[in-house]
Amino acid sequence: MGEQQPVVNAEFFVAKLSEAKITFERALDCKHTEFDDLYPYMLEHPQFFWYKRYVAWSQLLTIAGLCDELSFPWREQFSPQQVAYVEQRVMSAKVLDFWFEKNDSKEHAQR
């Protein structure tokens, strides 16, 4: 008979958004991400870290956008300041400098 289709719900998207947020934050901190494994020969190039941040930001925006389209709650995963950055969609110097509201916070140091 017919196969059952996998269920994709809000919980799935929120989990993926959380993963994307962690990846972006690790990219901001120049920490290892899955992207490093895809292009190990690029680690020597300074531009790689900027590209890695751009890719992580794009992934975060894509998943947040899908959550919006599907009316899944996603804003609770972020501070109000971070929500504003995501809604503005542009990865500006302000996002890079102030994503972590306090760069000396425990949360920032643990990631």
PDB file of N, CA and C in Angstrom:
ATOM      1  N   MET A   1       0.824  -1.202   0.000  1.00  0.00           N
ATOM      2  CA  MET A   1       0.000   0.000   0.000  1.00  0.00           C
ATOM      3  C   MET A   1       0.856   1.248   0.000  1.00  0.00           C
ATOM      4  N   GLY A   2       0.240   2.381   0.260  1.00  0.00           N
ATOM      5  CA  GLY A   2       0.953   3.651   0.220  1.00  0.00           C
ATOM      6  C   GLY A   2       1.876   3.850   1.401  1.00  0.00           C
ATOM      7  N   GLU A   3       2.998   4.467   1.115  1.00  0.00           N
ATOM      8  CA  GLU A   3       3.942   4.786   2.185  1.00  0.00           C
ATOM      9  C   GLU A   3       3.464   6.011   2.943  1.00  0.00           C
ATOM     10  N   GLN A   4       3.745   6.026   4.254  1.00  0.00           N
ATOM     11  CA  GLN A   4       3.415   7.203   5.038  1.00  0.00           C
ATOM     12  C   GLN A   4       4.471   8.275   4.795  1.00  0.00           C
ATOM     13  N   GLN A   5       4.010   9.481   4.618  1.00  0.00           N
ATOM     14  CA  GLN A   5       4.910  10.607   4.415  1.00  0.00           C
ATOM     15  C   GLN A   5       5.453  11.071   5.769  1.00  0.00           C
ATOM     16  N   PRO A   6       6.716  11.451   5.823  1.00  0.00           N
ATOM     17  CA  PRO A   6       7.263  11.974   7.084  1.00  0.00           C
ATOM     18  C   PRO A   6       6.542  13.264   7.475  1.00  0.00           C
ATOM     19  N   VAL A   7       6.387  13.428   8.764  1.00  0.00           N
ATOM     20  CA  VAL A   7       5.721  14.621   9.274  1.00  0.00           C
ATOM     21  C   VAL A   7       6.765  15.697   9.534  1.00  0.00           C
ATOM     22  N   VAL A   8       6.575  16.832   8.922  1.00  0.00           N
ATOM     23  CA  VAL A   8       7.449  17.978   9.152  1.00  0.00           C
ATOM     24  C   VAL A   8       6.585  19.024   9.843  1.00  0.00           C
ATOM     25  N   ASN A   9       6.943  19.328  11.083  1.00  0.00           N
ATOM     26  CA  ASN A   9       6.120  20.239  11.863  1.00  0.00           C
ATOM     27  C   ASN A   9       6.958  21.383  12.432  1.00  0.00           C
ATOM     28  N   ALA A  10       6.324  22.193  13.245  1.00  0.00           N
ATOM     29  CA  ALA A  10       7.000  23.352  13.831  1.00  0.00           C
ATOM     30  C   ALA A  10       8.217  22.932  14.642  1.00  0.00           C
ATOM     31  N   GLU A  11       8.100  21.836  15.363  1.00  0.00           N
ATOM     32  CA  GLU A  11       9.215  21.362  16.188  1.00  0.00           C
ATOM     33  C   GLU A  11      10.449  21.076  15.329  1.00  0.00           C
ATOM     34  N   PHE A  12      10.244  20.460  14.179  1.00  0.00           N
ATOM     35  CA  PHE A  12      11.342  20.173  13.258  1.00  0.00           C
ATOM     36  C   PHE A  12      12.021  21.462  12.808  1.00  0.00           C
ATOM     37  N   PHE A  13      11.219  22.436  12.371  1.00  0.00           N
ATOM     38  CA  PHE A  13      11.786  23.692  11.865  1.00  0.00           C
ATOM     39  C   PHE A  13      12.480  24.492  12.958  1.00  0.00           C
ATOM     40  N   VAL A  14      11.910  24.499  14.146  1.00  0.00           N
ATOM     41  CA  VAL A  14      12.522  25.238  15.251  1.00  0.00           C
ATOM     42  C   VAL A  14      13.857  24.589  15.623  1.00  0.00           C
ATOM     43  N   ALA A  15      13.915  23.253  15.577  1.00  0.00           N
ATOM     44  CA  ALA A  15      15.178  22.561  15.857  1.00  0.00           C
ATOM     45  C   ALA A  15      16.222  22.905  14.795  1.00  0.00           C
ATOM     46  N   LYS A  16      15.819  22.924  13.535  1.00  0.00           N
ATOM     47  CA  LYS A  16      16.741  23.275  12.449  1.00  0.00           C
ATOM     48  C   LYS A  16      17.200  24.729  12.574  1.00  0.00           C
ATOM     49  N   LEU A  17      16.294  25.604  13.003  1.00  0.00           N
ATOM     50  CA  LEU A  17      16.644  27.007  13.203  1.00  0.00           C
ATOM     51  C   LEU A  17      17.666  27.146  14.327  1.00  0.00           C
ATOM     52  N   SER A  18      17.472  26.390  15.387  1.00  0.00           N
ATOM     53  CA  SER A  18      18.420  26.418  16.500  1.00  0.00           C
ATOM     54  C   SER A  18      19.805  25.961  16.038  1.00  0.00           C
ATOM     55  N   GLU A  19      19.846  24.907  15.216  1.00  0.00           N
ATOM     56  CA  GLU A  19      21.119  24.435  14.668  1.00  0.00           C
ATOM     57  C   GLU A  19      21.767  25.507  13.790  1.00  0.00           C
ATOM     58  N   ALA A  20      20.961  26.172  12.976  1.00  0.00           N
ATOM     59  CA  ALA A  20      21.482  27.218  12.094  1.00  0.00           C
ATOM     60  C   ALA A  20      22.021  28.400  12.907  1.00  0.00           C
ATOM     61  N   LYS A  21      21.339  28.720  13.995  1.00  0.00           N
ATOM     62  CA  LYS A  21      21.799  29.820  14.857  1.00  0.00           C
ATOM     63  C   LYS A  21      23.150  29.472  15.479  1.00  0.00           C
ATOM     64  N   ILE A  22      23.276  28.255  15.967  1.00  0.00           N
ATOM     65  CA  ILE A  22      24.544  27.825  16.567  1.00  0.00           C
ATOM     66  C   ILE A  22      25.656  27.839  15.522  1.00  0.00           C
ATOM     67  N   THR A  23      25.360  27.370  14.322  1.00  0.00           N
ATOM     68  CA  THR A  23      26.360  27.377  13.247  1.00  0.00           C
ATOM     69  C   THR A  23      26.794  28.802  12.925  1.00  0.00           C
ATOM     70  N   PHE A  24      25.825  29.727  12.831  1.00  0.00           N
ATOM     71  CA  PHE A  24      26.172  31.121  12.551  1.00  0.00           C
ATOM     72  C   PHE A  24      27.042  31.692  13.668  1.00  0.00           C
ATOM     73  N   GLU A  25      26.675  31.409  14.904  1.00  0.00           N
ATOM     74  CA  GLU A  25      27.448  31.937  16.031  1.00  0.00           C
ATOM     75  C   GLU A  25      28.849  31.338  16.065  1.00  0.00           C
ATOM     76  N   ARG A  26      28.972  30.080  15.726  1.00  0.00           N
ATOM     77  CA  ARG A  26      30.303  29.470  15.651  1.00  0.00           C
ATOM     78  C   ARG A  26      31.110  30.087  14.512  1.00  0.00           C
ATOM     79  N   ALA A  27      30.452  30.383  13.394  1.00  0.00           N
ATOM     80  CA  ALA A  27      31.139  31.036  12.274  1.00  0.00           C
ATOM     81  C   ALA A  27      31.599  32.434  12.670  1.00  0.00           C
ATOM     82  N   LEU A  28      30.765  33.154  13.424  1.00  0.00           N
ATOM     83  CA  LEU A  28      31.170  34.483  13.894  1.00  0.00           C
ATOM     84  C   LEU A  28      32.424  34.411  14.749  1.00  0.00           C
ATOM     85  N   ASP A  29      32.504  33.364  15.556  1.00  0.00           N
ATOM     86  CA  ASP A  29      33.645  33.194  16.453  1.00  0.00           C
ATOM     87  C   ASP A  29      34.820  32.473  15.803  1.00  0.00           C
ATOM     88  N   CYS A  30      34.724  32.213  14.494  1.00  0.00           N
ATOM     89  CA  CYS A  30      35.768  31.497  13.748  1.00  0.00           C
ATOM     90  C   CYS A  30      36.036  30.111  14.339  1.00  0.00           C
ATOM     91  N   LYS A  31      34.980  29.477  14.829  1.00  0.00           N
ATOM     92  CA  LYS A  31      35.093  28.112  15.340  1.00  0.00           C
ATOM     93  C   LYS A  31      34.710  27.131  14.240  1.00  0.00           C
ATOM     94  N   HIS A  32      35.054  25.880  14.468  1.00  0.00           N
ATOM     95  CA  HIS A  32      34.802  24.835  13.480  1.00  0.00           C
ATOM     96  C   HIS A  32      33.301  24.635  13.238  1.00  0.00           C
ATOM     97  N   THR A  33      32.937  24.499  11.969  1.00  0.00           N
ATOM     98  CA  THR A  33      31.574  24.149  11.573  1.00  0.00           C
ATOM     99  C   THR A  33      31.668  23.057  10.511  1.00  0.00           C
ATOM    100  N   GLU A  34      30.534  22.502  10.127  1.00  0.00           N
ATOM    101  CA  GLU A  34      30.525  21.486   9.074  1.00  0.00           C
ATOM    102  C   GLU A  34      31.110  22.030   7.770  1.00  0.00           C
ATOM    103  N   PHE A  35      30.968  23.318   7.565  1.00  0.00           N
ATOM    104  CA  PHE A  35      31.465  23.951   6.348  1.00  0.00           C
ATOM    105  C   PHE A  35      32.978  23.786   6.217  1.00  0.00           C
ATOM    106  N   ASP A  36      33.680  23.791   7.344  1.00  0.00           N
ATOM    107  CA  ASP A  36      35.140  23.600   7.318  1.00  0.00           C
ATOM    108  C   ASP A  36      35.497  22.245   6.725  1.00  0.00           C
ATOM    109  N   ASP A  37      34.679  21.239   7.023  1.00  0.00           N
ATOM    110  CA  ASP A  37      34.946  19.893   6.527  1.00  0.00           C
ATOM    111  C   ASP A  37      34.726  19.790   5.019  1.00  0.00           C
ATOM    112  N   LEU A  38      33.841  20.626   4.491  1.00  0.00           N
ATOM    113  CA  LEU A  38      33.572  20.596   3.055  1.00  0.00           C
ATOM    114  C   LEU A  38      34.717  21.194   2.241  1.00  0.00           C
ATOM    115  N   TYR A  39      35.393  22.179   2.824  1.00  0.00           N
ATOM    116  CA  TYR A  39      36.459  22.889   2.108  1.00  0.00           C
ATOM    117  C   TYR A  39      37.720  22.992   2.961  1.00  0.00           C
ATOM    118  N   PRO A  40      38.312  21.867   3.353  1.00  0.00           N
ATOM    119  CA  PRO A  40      39.484  21.934   4.246  1.00  0.00           C
ATOM    120  C   PRO A  40      40.674  22.665   3.632  1.00  0.00           C
ATOM    121  N   TYR A  41      40.793  22.650   2.320  1.00  0.00           N
ATOM    122  CA  TYR A  41      41.902  23.318   1.651  1.00  0.00           C
ATOM    123  C   TYR A  41      41.768  24.839   1.685  1.00  0.00           C
ATOM    124  N   MET A  42      40.595  25.335   2.053  1.00  0.00           N
ATOM    125  CA  MET A  42      40.364  26.784   2.082  1.00  0.00           C
ATOM    126  C   MET A  42      40.703  27.418   3.430  1.00  0.00           C
ATOM    127  N   LEU A  43      40.963  26.608   4.430  1.00  0.00           N
ATOM    128  CA  LEU A  43      41.211  27.136   5.769  1.00  0.00           C
ATOM    129  C   LEU A  43      42.368  28.123   5.830  1.00  0.00           C
ATOM    130  N   GLU A  44      43.278  28.022   4.887  1.00  0.00           N
ATOM    131  CA  GLU A  44      44.452  28.905   4.843  1.00  0.00           C
ATOM    132  C   GLU A  44      44.105  30.314   4.358  1.00  0.00           C
ATOM    133  N   HIS A  45      42.976  30.460   3.695  1.00  0.00           N
ATOM    134  CA  HIS A  45      42.627  31.725   3.066  1.00  0.00           C
ATOM    135  C   HIS A  45      41.750  32.591   3.984  1.00  0.00           C
ATOM    136  N   PRO A  46      42.153  33.826   4.246  1.00  0.00           N
ATOM    137  CA  PRO A  46      41.374  34.706   5.131  1.00  0.00           C
ATOM    138  C   PRO A  46      39.946  34.931   4.634  1.00  0.00           C
ATOM    139  N   GLN A  47      39.751  34.945   3.321  1.00  0.00           N
ATOM    140  CA  GLN A  47      38.411  35.175   2.777  1.00  0.00           C
ATOM    141  C   GLN A  47      37.450  34.047   3.158  1.00  0.00           C
ATOM    142  N   PHE A  48      37.981  32.874   3.449  1.00  0.00           N
ATOM    143  CA  PHE A  48      37.143  31.725   3.783  1.00  0.00           C
ATOM    144  C   PHE A  48      36.246  32.024   4.971  1.00  0.00           C
ATOM    145  N   PHE A  49      36.756  32.728   5.968  1.00  0.00           N
ATOM    146  CA  PHE A  49      35.971  32.992   7.171  1.00  0.00           C
ATOM    147  C   PHE A  49      34.812  33.934   6.878  1.00  0.00           C
ATOM    148  N   TRP A  50      35.024  34.863   5.963  1.00  0.00           N
ATOM    149  CA  TRP A  50      33.919  35.745   5.572  1.00  0.00           C
ATOM    150  C   TRP A  50      32.872  34.971   4.790  1.00  0.00           C
ATOM    151  N   TYR A  51      33.327  34.108   3.896  1.00  0.00           N
ATOM    152  CA  TYR A  51      32.397  33.308   3.108  1.00  0.00           C
ATOM    153  C   TYR A  51      31.616  32.352   4.013  1.00  0.00           C
ATOM    154  N   LYS A  52      32.302  31.767   4.966  1.00  0.00           N
ATOM    155  CA  LYS A  52      31.673  30.846   5.914  1.00  0.00           C
ATOM    156  C   LYS A  52      30.570  31.567   6.701  1.00  0.00           C
ATOM    157  N   ARG A  53      30.836  32.783   7.105  1.00  0.00           N
ATOM    158  CA  ARG A  53      29.810  33.571   7.819  1.00  0.00           C
ATOM    159  C   ARG A  53      28.632  33.872   6.915  1.00  0.00           C
ATOM    160  N   TYR A  54      28.909  34.210   5.679  1.00  0.00           N
ATOM    161  CA  TYR A  54      27.841  34.508   4.724  1.00  0.00           C
ATOM    162  C   TYR A  54      26.949  33.283   4.507  1.00  0.00           C
ATOM    163  N   VAL A  55      27.558  32.125   4.346  1.00  0.00           N
ATOM    164  CA  VAL A  55      26.790  30.897   4.129  1.00  0.00           C
ATOM    165  C   VAL A  55      25.943  30.582   5.364  1.00  0.00           C
ATOM    166  N   ALA A  56      26.511  30.706   6.547  1.00  0.00           N
ATOM    167  CA  ALA A  56      25.763  30.431   7.782  1.00  0.00           C
ATOM    168  C   ALA A  56      24.611  31.426   7.958  1.00  0.00           C
ATOM    169  N   TRP A  57      24.844  32.703   7.629  1.00  0.00           N
ATOM    170  CA  TRP A  57      23.800  33.731   7.714  1.00  0.00           C
ATOM    171  C   TRP A  57      22.673  33.414   6.731  1.00  0.00           C
ATOM    172  N   SER A  58      23.035  33.011   5.521  1.00  0.00           N
ATOM    173  CA  SER A  58      22.037  32.673   4.512  1.00  0.00           C
ATOM    174  C   SER A  58      21.172  31.501   4.971  1.00  0.00           C
ATOM    175  N   GLN A  59      21.801  30.511   5.564  1.00  0.00           N
ATOM    176  CA  GLN A  59      21.057  29.356   6.072  1.00  0.00           C
ATOM    177  C   GLN A  59      20.089  29.791   7.174  1.00  0.00           C
ATOM    178  N   LEU A  60      20.562  30.630   8.073  1.00  0.00           N
ATOM    179  CA  LEU A  60      19.716  31.128   9.162  1.00  0.00           C
ATOM    180  C   LEU A  60      18.521  31.899   8.609  1.00  0.00           C
ATOM    181  N   LEU A  61      18.762  32.778   7.650  1.00  0.00           N
ATOM    182  CA  LEU A  61      17.675  33.555   7.050  1.00  0.00           C
ATOM    183  C   LEU A  61      16.677  32.663   6.315  1.00  0.00           C
ATOM    184  N   THR A  62      17.179  31.662   5.625  1.00  0.00           N
ATOM    185  CA  THR A  62      16.298  30.763   4.875  1.00  0.00           C
ATOM    186  C   THR A  62      15.357  30.019   5.816  1.00  0.00           C
ATOM    187  N   ILE A  63      15.894  29.469   6.886  1.00  0.00           N
ATOM    188  CA  ILE A  63      15.048  28.703   7.808  1.00  0.00           C
ATOM    189  C   ILE A  63      14.090  29.624   8.554  1.00  0.00           C
ATOM    190  N   ALA A  64      14.550  30.806   8.971  1.00  0.00           N
ATOM    191  CA  ALA A  64      13.647  31.763   9.629  1.00  0.00           C
ATOM    192  C   ALA A  64      12.535  32.178   8.667  1.00  0.00           C
ATOM    193  N   GLY A  65      12.864  32.382   7.399  1.00  0.00           N
ATOM    194  CA  GLY A  65      11.870  32.743   6.392  1.00  0.00           C
ATOM    195  C   GLY A  65      10.836  31.645   6.196  1.00  0.00           C
ATOM    196  N   LEU A  66      11.281  30.396   6.161  1.00  0.00           N
ATOM    197  CA  LEU A  66      10.348  29.279   6.044  1.00  0.00           C
ATOM    198  C   LEU A  66       9.430  29.200   7.264  1.00  0.00           C
ATOM    199  N   CYS A  67      10.006  29.417   8.440  1.00  0.00           N
ATOM    200  CA  CYS A  67       9.186  29.428   9.661  1.00  0.00           C
ATOM    201  C   CYS A  67       8.118  30.510   9.576  1.00  0.00           C
ATOM    202  N   ASP A  68       8.498  31.677   9.084  1.00  0.00           N
ATOM    203  CA  ASP A  68       7.533  32.773   8.910  1.00  0.00           C
ATOM    204  C   ASP A  68       6.419  32.369   7.944  1.00  0.00           C
ATOM    205  N   GLU A  69       6.801  31.830   6.789  1.00  0.00           N
ATOM    206  CA  GLU A  69       5.809  31.438   5.781  1.00  0.00           C
ATOM    207  C   GLU A  69       4.845  30.384   6.302  1.00  0.00           C
ATOM    208  N   LEU A  70       5.351  29.494   7.150  1.00  0.00           N
ATOM    209  CA  LEU A  70       4.528  28.407   7.687  1.00  0.00           C
ATOM    210  C   LEU A  70       3.865  28.784   9.013  1.00  0.00           C
ATOM    211  N   SER A  71       4.065  30.025   9.439  1.00  0.00           N
ATOM    212  CA  SER A  71       3.517  30.532  10.711  1.00  0.00           C
ATOM    213  C   SER A  71       3.997  29.717  11.908  1.00  0.00           C
ATOM    214  N   PHE A  72       5.258  29.278  11.852  1.00  0.00           N
ATOM    215  CA  PHE A  72       5.869  28.589  12.985  1.00  0.00           C
ATOM    216  C   PHE A  72       6.591  29.624  13.833  1.00  0.00           C
ATOM    217  N   PRO A  73       6.502  29.512  15.140  1.00  0.00           N
ATOM    218  CA  PRO A  73       7.184  30.486  16.007  1.00  0.00           C
ATOM    219  C   PRO A  73       8.696  30.277  15.967  1.00  0.00           C
ATOM    220  N   TRP A  74       9.426  31.353  15.724  1.00  0.00           N
ATOM    221  CA  TRP A  74      10.883  31.246  15.688  1.00  0.00           C
ATOM    222  C   TRP A  74      11.561  32.339  16.500  1.00  0.00           C
ATOM    223  N   ARG A  75      10.873  33.434  16.738  1.00  0.00           N
ATOM    224  CA  ARG A  75      11.497  34.593  17.383  1.00  0.00           C
ATOM    225  C   ARG A  75      11.936  34.324  18.820  1.00  0.00           C
ATOM    226  N   GLU A  76      11.314  33.350  19.457  1.00  0.00           N
ATOM    227  CA  GLU A  76      11.659  33.033  20.846  1.00  0.00           C
ATOM    228  C   GLU A  76      13.087  32.508  20.980  1.00  0.00           C
ATOM    229  N   GLN A  77      13.668  32.064  19.883  1.00  0.00           N
ATOM    230  CA  GLN A  77      15.031  31.528  19.878  1.00  0.00           C
ATOM    231  C   GLN A  77      16.095  32.627  19.953  1.00  0.00           C
ATOM    232  N   PHE A  78      15.664  33.884  19.802  1.00  0.00           N
ATOM    233  CA  PHE A  78      16.594  34.998  19.650  1.00  0.00           C
ATOM    234  C   PHE A  78      16.270  36.126  20.620  1.00  0.00           C
ATOM    235  N   SER A  79      17.259  36.967  20.857  1.00  0.00           N
ATOM    236  CA  SER A  79      17.017  38.193  21.615  1.00  0.00           C
ATOM    237  C   SER A  79      16.251  39.154  20.699  1.00  0.00           C
ATOM    238  N   PRO A  80      15.593  40.168  21.260  1.00  0.00           N
ATOM    239  CA  PRO A  80      14.903  41.146  20.404  1.00  0.00           C
ATOM    240  C   PRO A  80      15.844  41.804  19.386  1.00  0.00           C
ATOM    241  N   GLN A  81      17.060  42.071  19.795  1.00  0.00           N
ATOM    242  CA  GLN A  81      18.041  42.682  18.892  1.00  0.00           C
ATOM    243  C   GLN A  81      18.365  41.731  17.733  1.00  0.00           C
ATOM    244  N   GLN A  82      18.532  40.448  18.024  1.00  0.00           N
ATOM    245  CA  GLN A  82      18.827  39.470  16.981  1.00  0.00           C
ATOM    246  C   GLN A  82      17.650  39.288  16.026  1.00  0.00           C
ATOM    247  N   VAL A  83      16.424  39.319  16.571  1.00  0.00           N
ATOM    248  CA  VAL A  83      15.231  39.235  15.717  1.00  0.00           C
ATOM    249  C   VAL A  83      15.234  40.386  14.715  1.00  0.00           C
ATOM    250  N   ALA A  84      15.567  41.578  15.192  1.00  0.00           N
ATOM    251  CA  ALA A  84      15.615  42.750  14.302  1.00  0.00           C
ATOM    252  C   ALA A  84      16.647  42.538  13.197  1.00  0.00           C
ATOM    253  N   TYR A  85      17.810  41.999  13.532  1.00  0.00           N
ATOM    254  CA  TYR A  85      18.834  41.736  12.516  1.00  0.00           C
ATOM    255  C   TYR A  85      18.330  40.749  11.475  1.00  0.00           C
ATOM    256  N   VAL A  86      17.698  39.669  11.930  1.00  0.00           N
ATOM    257  CA  VAL A  86      17.190  38.651  11.003  1.00  0.00           C
ATOM    258  C   VAL A  86      16.103  39.249  10.114  1.00  0.00           C
ATOM    259  N   GLU A  87      15.234  40.047  10.698  1.00  0.00           N
ATOM    260  CA  GLU A  87      14.156  40.648   9.915  1.00  0.00           C
ATOM    261  C   GLU A  87      14.684  41.671   8.905  1.00  0.00           C
ATOM    262  N   GLN A  88      15.806  42.320   9.221  1.00  0.00           N
ATOM    263  CA  GLN A  88      16.416  43.264   8.281  1.00  0.00           C
ATOM    264  C   GLN A  88      17.166  42.534   7.171  1.00  0.00           C
ATOM    265  N   ARG A  89      17.545  41.290   7.416  1.00  0.00           N
ATOM    266  CA  ARG A  89      18.128  40.371   6.446  1.00  0.00           C
ATOM    267  C   ARG A  89      19.553  40.701   5.989  1.00  0.00           C
ATOM    268  N   VAL A  90      20.052  41.866   6.226  1.00  0.00           N
ATOM    269  CA  VAL A  90      21.380  42.252   5.740  1.00  0.00           C
ATOM    270  C   VAL A  90      22.428  41.929   6.811  1.00  0.00           C
ATOM    271  N   MET A  91      23.454  41.176   6.425  1.00  0.00           N
ATOM    272  CA  MET A  91      24.525  40.883   7.372  1.00  0.00           C
ATOM    273  C   MET A  91      25.526  42.039   7.332  1.00  0.00           C
ATOM    274  N   SER A  92      25.244  43.031   8.107  1.00  0.00           N
ATOM    275  CA  SER A  92      26.077  44.230   8.149  1.00  0.00           C
ATOM    276  C   SER A  92      27.162  44.085   9.212  1.00  0.00           C
ATOM    277  N   ALA A  93      28.031  45.061   9.258  1.00  0.00           N
ATOM    278  CA  ALA A  93      29.060  45.094  10.299  1.00  0.00           C
ATOM    279  C   ALA A  93      28.416  45.132  11.677  1.00  0.00           C
ATOM    280  N   LYS A  94      27.257  45.764  11.758  1.00  0.00           N
ATOM    281  CA  LYS A  94      26.540  45.843  13.035  1.00  0.00           C
ATOM    282  C   LYS A  94      26.154  44.444  13.524  1.00  0.00           C
ATOM    283  N   VAL A  95      25.694  43.605  12.609  1.00  0.00           N
ATOM    284  CA  VAL A  95      25.353  42.227  12.973  1.00  0.00           C
ATOM    285  C   VAL A  95      26.600  41.502  13.455  1.00  0.00           C
ATOM    286  N   LEU A  96      27.688  41.629  12.710  1.00  0.00           N
ATOM    287  CA  LEU A  96      28.925  40.946  13.075  1.00  0.00           C
ATOM    288  C   LEU A  96      29.463  41.421  14.420  1.00  0.00           C
ATOM    289  N   ASP A  97      29.355  42.722  14.687  1.00  0.00           N
ATOM    290  CA  ASP A  97      29.914  43.283  15.915  1.00  0.00           C
ATOM    291  C   ASP A  97      29.007  43.118  17.133  1.00  0.00           C
ATOM    292  N   PHE A  98      27.690  43.117  16.916  1.00  0.00           N
ATOM    293  CA  PHE A  98      26.775  43.170  18.058  1.00  0.00           C
ATOM    294  C   PHE A  98      25.778  42.021  18.123  1.00  0.00           C
ATOM    295  N   TRP A  99      26.005  40.945  17.367  1.00  0.00           N
ATOM    296  CA  TRP A  99      25.103  39.794  17.439  1.00  0.00           C
ATOM    297  C   TRP A  99      25.008  39.313  18.884  1.00  0.00           C
ATOM    298  N   PHE A 100      26.157  39.153  19.499  1.00  0.00           N
ATOM    299  CA  PHE A 100      26.193  38.833  20.924  1.00  0.00           C
ATOM    300  C   PHE A 100      26.083  40.162  21.644  1.00  0.00           C
ATOM    301  N   GLU A 101      24.992  40.350  22.364  1.00  0.00           N
ATOM    302  CA  GLU A 101      24.759  41.660  22.985  1.00  0.00           C
ATOM    303  C   GLU A 101      25.908  42.055  23.899  1.00  0.00           C
ATOM    304  N   LYS A 102      26.449  41.057  24.583  1.00  0.00           N
ATOM    305  CA  LYS A 102      27.630  41.299  25.404  1.00  0.00           C
ATOM    306  C   LYS A 102      28.632  40.228  25.041  1.00  0.00           C
ATOM    307  N   ASN A 103      29.710  40.613  24.454  1.00  0.00           N
ATOM    308  CA  ASN A 103      30.701  39.634  23.993  1.00  0.00           C
ATOM    309  C   ASN A 103      31.387  38.900  25.118  1.00  0.00           C
ATOM    310  N   ASP A 104      31.199  39.355  26.359  1.00  0.00           N
ATOM    311  CA  ASP A 104      31.821  38.668  27.477  1.00  0.00           C
ATOM    312  C   ASP A 104      30.806  37.803  28.231  1.00  0.00           C
ATOM    313  N   SER A 105      29.630  37.592  27.670  1.00  0.00           N
ATOM    314  CA  SER A 105      28.602  36.803  28.353  1.00  0.00           C
ATOM    315  C   SER A 105      29.008  35.341  28.442  1.00  0.00           C
ATOM    316  N   LYS A 106      28.475  34.636  29.442  1.00  0.00           N
ATOM    317  CA  LYS A 106      28.782  33.219  29.619  1.00  0.00           C
ATOM    318  C   LYS A 106      28.320  32.421  28.415  1.00  0.00           C
ATOM    319  N   GLU A 107      27.140  32.726  27.887  1.00  0.00           N
ATOM    320  CA  GLU A 107      26.601  31.996  26.735  1.00  0.00           C
ATOM    321  C   GLU A 107      27.562  32.096  25.555  1.00  0.00           C
ATOM    322  N   HIS A 108      28.073  33.286  25.312  1.00  0.00           N
ATOM    323  CA  HIS A 108      29.002  33.505  24.203  1.00  0.00           C
ATOM    324  C   HIS A 108      30.277  32.695  24.401  1.00  0.00           C
ATOM    325  N   ALA A 109      30.790  32.684  25.598  1.00  0.00           N
ATOM    326  CA  ALA A 109      32.052  32.004  25.872  1.00  0.00           C
ATOM    327  C   ALA A 109      31.926  30.484  25.767  1.00  0.00           C
ATOM    328  N   GLN A 110      30.734  29.942  26.020  1.00  0.00           N
ATOM    329  CA  GLN A 110      30.557  28.491  26.048  1.00  0.00           C
ATOM    330  C   GLN A 110      30.381  27.907  24.651  1.00  0.00           C
ATOM    331  N   ARG A 111      30.025  28.694  23.682  1.00  0.00           N
ATOM    332  CA  ARG A 111      29.724  28.125  22.359  1.00  0.00           C
ATOM    333  C   ARG A 111      30.958  27.866  21.601  1.00  0.00           C
TER     334      ARG A 111
END
